[in-house]
């Protein structure tokens, strides 16, 4: 029977060492930013309860804000 391995598998196998080195370089050079201080859970307002999940990266973590109240979650709550 002929080999039916897709060409992309062979290409990935050939590029794997290069991709591994590039991954290490990027990871070593990536800047880690500080998350703001403040509570990451709580309750505010009146009325029926609403649960909100903010999934994401630095925007969801609040990177760049001084406090969690100034971050995305704090702005959505609108204290």
N, C-alpha and C. Protein backbone atom coordinates (compact mmCIF):
# COMPACT_ATOMS: atom_id res chain seq x y z
N UNK A 1 0.84 -1.19 0.00
CA UNK A 1 0.00 0.00 0.00
C UNK A 1 0.88 1.25 0.00
N UNK A 2 0.50 2.26 -0.73
CA UNK A 2 1.27 3.51 -0.74
C UNK A 2 1.07 4.28 0.56
N UNK A 3 2.06 5.09 0.88
CA UNK A 3 2.00 5.93 2.08
C UNK A 3 1.01 7.06 1.85
N UNK A 4 0.00 7.16 2.70
CA UNK A 4 -1.05 8.18 2.56
C UNK A 4 -0.92 9.30 3.58
N UNK A 5 0.26 9.50 4.13
CA UNK A 5 0.49 10.57 5.10
C UNK A 5 0.38 11.91 4.38
N UNK A 6 -0.45 12.83 4.92
CA UNK A 6 -0.59 14.14 4.26
C UNK A 6 0.74 14.90 4.24
N UNK A 7 0.98 15.65 3.18
CA UNK A 7 2.24 16.40 3.08
C UNK A 7 2.46 17.37 4.24
N UNK A 8 1.39 17.89 4.83
CA UNK A 8 1.55 18.86 5.92
C UNK A 8 2.23 18.23 7.13
N UNK A 9 2.03 16.94 7.35
CA UNK A 9 2.68 16.25 8.47
C UNK A 9 4.19 16.23 8.25
N UNK A 10 4.61 15.96 7.03
CA UNK A 10 6.04 15.93 6.72
C UNK A 10 6.64 17.33 6.85
N UNK A 11 5.93 18.32 6.39
CA UNK A 11 6.41 19.69 6.49
C UNK A 11 6.56 20.10 7.96
N UNK A 12 5.58 19.74 8.79
CA UNK A 12 5.66 20.05 10.21
C UNK A 12 6.84 19.34 10.86
N UNK A 13 7.08 18.11 10.48
CA UNK A 13 8.20 17.35 11.03
C UNK A 13 9.54 18.01 10.65
N UNK A 14 9.63 18.54 9.45
CA UNK A 14 10.85 19.20 9.01
C UNK A 14 11.05 20.55 9.71
N UNK A 15 9.95 21.25 9.97
CA UNK A 15 10.04 22.58 10.56
C UNK A 15 10.03 22.57 12.09
N UNK A 16 9.77 21.43 12.71
CA UNK A 16 9.65 21.36 14.17
C UNK A 16 10.86 21.93 14.91
N UNK A 17 12.10 21.61 14.54
CA UNK A 17 13.22 22.19 15.27
C UNK A 17 13.29 23.72 15.17
N UNK A 18 12.99 24.24 14.00
CA UNK A 18 13.00 25.70 13.82
C UNK A 18 11.90 26.34 14.65
N UNK A 19 10.71 25.75 14.64
CA UNK A 19 9.59 26.29 15.39
C UNK A 19 9.86 26.23 16.90
N UNK A 20 10.53 25.19 17.35
CA UNK A 20 10.86 25.08 18.77
C UNK A 20 11.81 26.19 19.20
N UNK A 21 12.82 26.47 18.39
CA UNK A 21 13.77 27.54 18.71
C UNK A 21 13.06 28.89 18.69
N UNK A 22 12.23 29.13 17.70
CA UNK A 22 11.49 30.39 17.63
C UNK A 22 10.58 30.56 18.84
N UNK A 23 9.94 29.48 19.27
CA UNK A 23 9.06 29.54 20.44
C UNK A 23 9.82 29.92 21.69
N UNK A 24 11.01 29.35 21.86
CA UNK A 24 11.83 29.70 23.03
C UNK A 24 12.26 31.16 23.00
N UNK A 25 12.63 31.65 21.84
CA UNK A 25 13.06 33.05 21.71
C UNK A 25 11.91 33.99 22.05
N UNK A 26 10.74 33.71 21.52
CA UNK A 26 9.58 34.56 21.78
C UNK A 26 9.21 34.52 23.26
N UNK A 27 9.22 33.34 23.84
CA UNK A 27 8.85 33.22 25.25
C UNK A 27 9.84 33.94 26.15
N UNK A 28 11.12 33.86 25.84
CA UNK A 28 12.14 34.52 26.63
C UNK A 28 12.03 36.04 26.51
N UNK A 29 11.66 36.53 25.35
CA UNK A 29 11.61 37.97 25.12
C UNK A 29 10.28 38.63 25.43
N UNK A 30 9.27 37.83 25.77
CA UNK A 30 7.95 38.39 26.03
C UNK A 30 7.95 39.20 27.33
N UNK A 31 7.29 40.32 27.31
CA UNK A 31 7.19 41.18 28.48
C UNK A 31 6.02 40.71 29.34
N UNK A 32 6.27 40.53 30.62
CA UNK A 32 5.20 40.16 31.54
C UNK A 32 4.77 41.41 32.29
N UNK A 33 3.52 41.77 32.12
CA UNK A 33 3.00 42.99 32.73
C UNK A 33 2.23 42.68 34.01
N UNK A 34 2.26 43.61 34.93
CA UNK A 34 1.62 43.47 36.23
C UNK A 34 0.11 43.67 36.13
N UNK A 35 -0.63 42.82 36.83
CA UNK A 35 -2.07 43.00 36.93
C UNK A 35 -2.36 44.02 38.03
N UNK A 36 -3.45 44.78 37.91
CA UNK A 36 -3.74 45.80 38.93
C UNK A 36 -4.22 45.18 40.24
N UNK A 37 -4.05 45.94 41.32
CA UNK A 37 -4.52 45.51 42.64
C UNK A 37 -6.03 45.67 42.72
N UNK A 38 -6.62 44.93 43.63
CA UNK A 38 -8.05 45.05 43.88
C UNK A 38 -8.75 43.71 43.79
N UNK A 39 -9.98 43.67 44.29
CA UNK A 39 -10.73 42.41 44.28
C UNK A 39 -11.12 41.99 42.86
N UNK A 40 -11.13 40.70 42.64
CA UNK A 40 -11.51 40.16 41.34
C UNK A 40 -12.88 39.50 41.37
N UNK A 41 -13.55 39.61 42.49
CA UNK A 41 -14.89 39.07 42.64
C UNK A 41 -15.64 39.95 43.62
N UNK A 42 -16.94 39.96 43.53
CA UNK A 42 -17.73 40.75 44.46
C UNK A 42 -19.14 40.97 43.94
N UNK A 43 -19.88 41.78 44.69
CA UNK A 43 -21.26 42.09 44.34
C UNK A 43 -21.46 43.59 44.42
N UNK A 44 -22.31 44.10 43.56
CA UNK A 44 -22.65 45.51 43.60
C UNK A 44 -24.02 45.69 42.95
N UNK A 45 -24.68 46.77 43.27
CA UNK A 45 -25.96 47.08 42.65
C UNK A 45 -27.13 46.39 43.31
N UNK A 46 -28.30 46.56 42.70
CA UNK A 46 -29.53 45.96 43.19
C UNK A 46 -30.21 45.24 42.04
N UNK A 47 -31.16 44.39 42.38
CA UNK A 47 -31.87 43.66 41.35
C UNK A 47 -31.44 42.20 41.29
N UNK A 48 -31.90 41.50 40.27
CA UNK A 48 -31.56 40.08 40.17
C UNK A 48 -30.06 39.88 39.95
N UNK A 49 -29.57 38.76 40.44
CA UNK A 49 -28.15 38.45 40.29
C UNK A 49 -27.81 38.18 38.83
N UNK A 50 -26.62 38.58 38.47
CA UNK A 50 -26.11 38.35 37.13
C UNK A 50 -24.67 37.90 37.27
N UNK A 51 -24.37 36.77 36.69
CA UNK A 51 -22.99 36.27 36.72
C UNK A 51 -22.34 36.60 35.39
N UNK A 52 -21.12 37.08 35.46
CA UNK A 52 -20.40 37.51 34.27
C UNK A 52 -19.01 36.90 34.27
N UNK A 53 -18.65 36.29 33.17
CA UNK A 53 -17.31 35.72 33.01
C UNK A 53 -16.61 36.51 31.92
N UNK A 54 -15.46 37.06 32.25
CA UNK A 54 -14.65 37.77 31.27
C UNK A 54 -13.47 36.87 30.94
N UNK A 55 -13.47 36.34 29.75
CA UNK A 55 -12.39 35.45 29.32
C UNK A 55 -11.51 36.21 28.34
N UNK A 56 -10.24 36.03 28.47
CA UNK A 56 -9.35 36.71 27.55
C UNK A 56 -7.93 36.74 28.07
N UNK A 57 -7.22 37.71 27.63
CA UNK A 57 -5.81 37.80 27.98
C UNK A 57 -5.58 39.02 28.86
N UNK A 58 -4.72 39.91 28.45
CA UNK A 58 -4.37 41.05 29.28
C UNK A 58 -5.54 42.01 29.50
N UNK A 59 -6.41 42.13 28.54
CA UNK A 59 -7.57 43.01 28.72
C UNK A 59 -8.48 42.51 29.83
N UNK A 60 -8.70 41.22 29.87
CA UNK A 60 -9.55 40.64 30.92
C UNK A 60 -8.86 40.71 32.27
N UNK A 61 -7.54 40.61 32.31
CA UNK A 61 -6.80 40.67 33.57
C UNK A 61 -6.70 42.10 34.10
N UNK A 62 -6.88 43.08 33.24
CA UNK A 62 -6.82 44.47 33.67
C UNK A 62 -5.46 45.10 33.53
N UNK A 63 -4.59 44.49 32.74
CA UNK A 63 -3.24 45.03 32.56
C UNK A 63 -3.33 46.45 31.99
N UNK A 64 -2.59 47.35 32.59
CA UNK A 64 -2.58 48.74 32.15
C UNK A 64 -3.40 49.66 33.03
N UNK A 65 -4.29 49.09 33.83
CA UNK A 65 -5.10 49.89 34.76
C UNK A 65 -4.40 49.94 36.11
N UNK A 66 -4.66 50.99 36.87
CA UNK A 66 -4.07 51.12 38.20
C UNK A 66 -4.78 50.24 39.22
N UNK A 67 -6.10 50.08 39.08
CA UNK A 67 -6.87 49.24 39.99
C UNK A 67 -7.85 48.40 39.19
N UNK A 68 -8.41 47.37 39.83
CA UNK A 68 -9.41 46.55 39.15
C UNK A 68 -10.68 47.35 38.84
N UNK A 69 -10.96 48.38 39.62
CA UNK A 69 -12.13 49.22 39.37
C UNK A 69 -12.01 49.97 38.04
N UNK A 70 -10.76 50.25 37.62
CA UNK A 70 -10.52 50.94 36.36
C UNK A 70 -10.36 49.98 35.19
N UNK A 71 -10.28 48.70 35.48
CA UNK A 71 -10.12 47.69 34.44
C UNK A 71 -11.47 47.37 33.80
N UNK A 72 -11.48 46.48 32.84
CA UNK A 72 -12.70 46.12 32.11
C UNK A 72 -13.80 45.67 33.05
N UNK A 73 -13.48 44.77 33.98
CA UNK A 73 -14.52 44.26 34.89
C UNK A 73 -15.09 45.36 35.77
N UNK A 74 -14.24 46.25 36.25
CA UNK A 74 -14.72 47.36 37.08
C UNK A 74 -15.58 48.32 36.30
N UNK A 75 -15.24 48.55 35.06
CA UNK A 75 -16.05 49.46 34.22
C UNK A 75 -17.40 48.85 33.88
N UNK A 76 -17.44 47.54 33.68
CA UNK A 76 -18.72 46.89 33.38
C UNK A 76 -19.65 46.92 34.58
N UNK A 77 -19.09 46.79 35.77
CA UNK A 77 -19.89 46.82 36.99
C UNK A 77 -20.43 48.22 37.23
N UNK A 78 -19.61 49.23 36.93
CA UNK A 78 -20.06 50.61 37.05
C UNK A 78 -20.32 51.05 38.46
N UNK A 79 -19.40 50.76 39.35
CA UNK A 79 -19.58 51.15 40.76
C UNK A 79 -19.66 52.63 40.90
